[in-house]
Amino acid sequence: MATLILIGASLSIVFSVIGLYRRRSRARRITSGYTMELVFASIQLGATLAAGVFPIVWLLLSVARNGGPIEQNLPPGVHQDFLLGILLVGGAATLIYTVFNYLRNL
């Protein structure tokens, strides 16, 4: 689990720096409001990638390479129930977004 936290924190810092660099390179002002929104969005994106995408990609590559049951191919510190929960929440969020986007365009 510490590995996932480290990956998420590292990605959050990288995304924040990229956002600040892009804003600066376009000669736009960097305000405290913009910086706070960028940092919060970067933390959310880094945590999502570390907790959701990384274990799923690890699982897919591990099963393709080694075969066997799902439990044996999960990254260290990740349990099958956690991964299933991430997939359910992601699926529900995708469904809700799709329905609201459809209704907005009616």
C-alpha atoms as a PDB file:
ATOM      1  CA  MET A   1       0.000   0.000   0.000  1.00  0.00           C
ATOM      2  CA  ALA A   2       2.931   2.333   0.655  1.00  0.00           C
ATOM      3  CA  THR A   3       3.981   1.850  -2.961  1.00  0.00           C
ATOM      4  CA  LEU A   4       0.588   3.055  -4.191  1.00  0.00           C
ATOM      5  CA  ILE A   5       0.771   6.118  -1.942  1.00  0.00           C
ATOM      6  CA  LEU A   6       4.255   6.928  -3.211  1.00  0.00           C
ATOM      7  CA  ILE A   7       3.172   6.521  -6.830  1.00  0.00           C
ATOM      8  CA  GLY A   8       0.101   8.719  -6.263  1.00  0.00           C
ATOM      9  CA  ALA A   9       2.100  11.442  -4.525  1.00  0.00           C
ATOM     10  CA  SER A  10       4.765  11.405  -7.233  1.00  0.00           C
ATOM     11  CA  LEU A  11       2.181  11.644 -10.009  1.00  0.00           C
ATOM     12  CA  SER A  12       0.412  14.489  -8.181  1.00  0.00           C
ATOM     13  CA  ILE A  13       3.632  16.495  -8.005  1.00  0.00           C
ATOM     14  CA  VAL A  14       4.440  15.807 -11.664  1.00  0.00           C
ATOM     15  CA  PHE A  15       0.943  16.867 -12.797  1.00  0.00           C
ATOM     16  CA  SER A  16       1.141  20.059 -10.700  1.00  0.00           C
ATOM     17  CA  VAL A  17       4.520  21.005 -12.162  1.00  0.00           C
ATOM     18  CA  ILE A  18       3.314  20.290 -15.708  1.00  0.00           C
ATOM     19  CA  GLY A  19       0.229  22.457 -15.157  1.00  0.00           C
ATOM     20  CA  LEU A  20       2.272  25.356 -13.788  1.00  0.00           C
ATOM     21  CA  TYR A  21       4.813  25.051 -16.596  1.00  0.00           C
ATOM     22  CA  ARG A  22       2.129  25.055 -19.292  1.00  0.00           C
ATOM     23  CA  ARG A  23       0.406  28.059 -17.732  1.00  0.00           C
ATOM     24  CA  ARG A  24       3.711  29.931 -17.513  1.00  0.00           C
ATOM     25  CA  SER A  25       4.766  29.028 -21.071  1.00  0.00           C
ATOM     26  CA  ARG A  26       1.530  30.506 -22.413  1.00  0.00           C
ATOM     27  CA  ALA A  27       2.310  33.786 -20.585  1.00  0.00           C
ATOM     28  CA  ARG A  28      -0.825  33.543 -18.450  1.00  0.00           C
ATOM     29  CA  ARG A  29      -0.964  34.709 -14.855  1.00  0.00           C
ATOM     30  CA  ILE A  30      -0.546  32.128 -12.118  1.00  0.00           C
ATOM     31  CA  THR A  31      -2.921  33.106  -9.338  1.00  0.00           C
ATOM     32  CA  SER A  32      -3.412  31.454  -5.979  1.00  0.00           C
ATOM     33  CA  GLY A  33      -6.901  30.342  -7.040  1.00  0.00           C
ATOM     34  CA  TYR A  34      -5.559  28.678 -10.174  1.00  0.00           C
ATOM     35  CA  THR A  35      -2.759  27.025  -8.209  1.00  0.00           C
ATOM     36  CA  MET A  36      -5.139  25.619  -5.590  1.00  0.00           C
ATOM     37  CA  GLU A  37      -7.486  24.214  -8.246  1.00  0.00           C
ATOM     38  CA  LEU A  38      -4.530  22.735 -10.111  1.00  0.00           C
ATOM     39  CA  VAL A  39      -3.096  21.114  -6.978  1.00  0.00           C
ATOM     40  CA  PHE A  40      -6.442  19.604  -5.955  1.00  0.00           C
ATOM     41  CA  ALA A  41      -7.048  18.303  -9.498  1.00  0.00           C
ATOM     42  CA  SER A  42      -3.502  16.902  -9.614  1.00  0.00           C
ATOM     43  CA  ILE A  43      -3.953  15.111  -6.292  1.00  0.00           C
ATOM     44  CA  GLN A  44      -7.231  13.596  -7.465  1.00  0.00           C
ATOM     45  CA  LEU A  45      -5.730  12.478 -10.777  1.00  0.00           C
ATOM     46  CA  GLY A  46      -2.605  11.057  -9.127  1.00  0.00           C
ATOM     47  CA  ALA A  47      -4.645   9.159  -6.537  1.00  0.00           C
ATOM     48  CA  THR A  48      -7.015   7.818  -9.179  1.00  0.00           C
ATOM     49  CA  LEU A  49      -4.184   6.587 -11.361  1.00  0.00           C
ATOM     50  CA  ALA A  50      -2.290   5.041  -8.436  1.00  0.00           C
ATOM     51  CA  ALA A  51      -5.277   3.391  -6.748  1.00  0.00           C
ATOM     52  CA  GLY A  52      -7.311   2.423  -9.794  1.00  0.00           C
ATOM     53  CA  VAL A  53      -5.377   2.316 -13.033  1.00  0.00           C
ATOM     54  CA  PHE A  54      -2.025   1.006 -11.743  1.00  0.00           C
ATOM     55  CA  PRO A  55      -3.439  -2.137 -10.068  1.00  0.00           C
ATOM     56  CA  ILE A  56      -5.654  -2.912 -13.069  1.00  0.00           C
ATOM     57  CA  VAL A  57      -2.787  -2.564 -15.562  1.00  0.00           C
ATOM     58  CA  TRP A  58      -0.542  -4.621 -13.247  1.00  0.00           C
ATOM     59  CA  LEU A  59      -3.223  -7.313 -13.083  1.00  0.00           C
ATOM     60  CA  LEU A  60      -3.760  -7.417 -16.848  1.00  0.00           C
ATOM     61  CA  LEU A  61      -0.042  -7.641 -17.611  1.00  0.00           C
ATOM     62  CA  SER A  62       0.574 -10.196 -14.873  1.00  0.00           C
ATOM     63  CA  VAL A  63      -2.267 -12.459 -15.975  1.00  0.00           C
ATOM     64  CA  ALA A  64      -1.126 -12.202 -19.603  1.00  0.00           C
ATOM     65  CA  ARG A  65       2.429 -13.108 -18.654  1.00  0.00           C
ATOM     66  CA  ASN A  66       1.920 -15.655 -15.836  1.00  0.00           C
ATOM     67  CA  GLY A  67      -1.666 -16.877 -16.153  1.00  0.00           C
ATOM     68  CA  GLY A  68      -3.394 -18.220 -13.071  1.00  0.00           C
ATOM     69  CA  PRO A  69      -6.123 -16.789 -10.828  1.00  0.00           C
ATOM     70  CA  ILE A  70      -6.635 -13.111 -10.153  1.00  0.00           C
ATOM     71  CA  GLU A  71      -5.597 -13.342  -6.481  1.00  0.00           C
ATOM     72  CA  GLN A  72      -2.071 -14.486  -7.414  1.00  0.00           C
ATOM     73  CA  ASN A  73      -1.546 -11.697  -9.925  1.00  0.00           C
ATOM     74  CA  LEU A  74      -2.508  -8.624  -7.884  1.00  0.00           C
ATOM     75  CA  PRO A  75       0.193  -6.121  -6.916  1.00  0.00           C
ATOM     76  CA  PRO A  76       1.476  -6.304  -3.324  1.00  0.00           C
ATOM     77  CA  GLY A  77      -0.927  -4.732  -0.838  1.00  0.00           C
ATOM     78  CA  VAL A  78      -3.964  -4.801  -3.148  1.00  0.00           C
ATOM     79  CA  HIS A  79      -6.822  -7.166  -2.412  1.00  0.00           C
ATOM     80  CA  GLN A  80      -9.416  -8.472  -4.832  1.00  0.00           C
ATOM     81  CA  ASP A  81     -12.240  -6.763  -2.921  1.00  0.00           C
ATOM     82  CA  PHE A  82     -10.506  -3.378  -3.215  1.00  0.00           C
ATOM     83  CA  LEU A  83     -10.054  -3.792  -6.953  1.00  0.00           C
ATOM     84  CA  LEU A  84     -13.669  -4.841  -7.415  1.00  0.00           C
ATOM     85  CA  GLY A  85     -14.809  -1.794  -5.423  1.00  0.00           C
ATOM     86  CA  ILE A  86     -12.728   0.520  -7.617  1.00  0.00           C
ATOM     87  CA  LEU A  87     -14.234  -1.012 -10.743  1.00  0.00           C
ATOM     88  CA  LEU A  88     -17.797  -0.710  -9.393  1.00  0.00           C
ATOM     89  CA  VAL A  89     -17.361   2.924  -8.370  1.00  0.00           C
ATOM     90  CA  GLY A  90     -15.712   3.749 -11.712  1.00  0.00           C
ATOM     91  CA  GLY A  91     -18.486   2.002 -13.619  1.00  0.00           C
ATOM     92  CA  ALA A  92     -21.173   3.828 -11.654  1.00  0.00           C
ATOM     93  CA  ALA A  93     -19.448   7.192 -12.181  1.00  0.00           C
ATOM     94  CA  THR A  94     -19.157   6.521 -15.913  1.00  0.00           C
ATOM     95  CA  LEU A  95     -22.837   5.576 -16.132  1.00  0.00           C
ATOM     96  CA  ILE A  96     -23.951   8.683 -14.214  1.00  0.00           C
ATOM     97  CA  TYR A  97     -21.763  10.959 -16.340  1.00  0.00           C
ATOM     98  CA  THR A  98     -23.078   9.384 -19.540  1.00  0.00           C
ATOM     99  CA  VAL A  99     -26.725   9.746 -18.502  1.00  0.00           C
ATOM    100  CA  PHE A 100     -26.306  13.398 -17.436  1.00  0.00           C
ATOM    101  CA  ASN A 101     -24.375  14.192 -20.614  1.00  0.00           C
ATOM    102  CA  TYR A 102     -27.169  12.621 -22.682  1.00  0.00           C
ATOM    103  CA  LEU A 103     -29.875  14.516 -20.780  1.00  0.00           C
ATOM    104  CA  ARG A 104     -27.963  17.780 -21.199  1.00  0.00           C
ATOM    105  CA  ASN A 105     -28.042  17.334 -24.948  1.00  0.00           C
ATOM    106  CA  LEU A 106     -31.780  16.635 -25.222  1.00  0.00           C
END
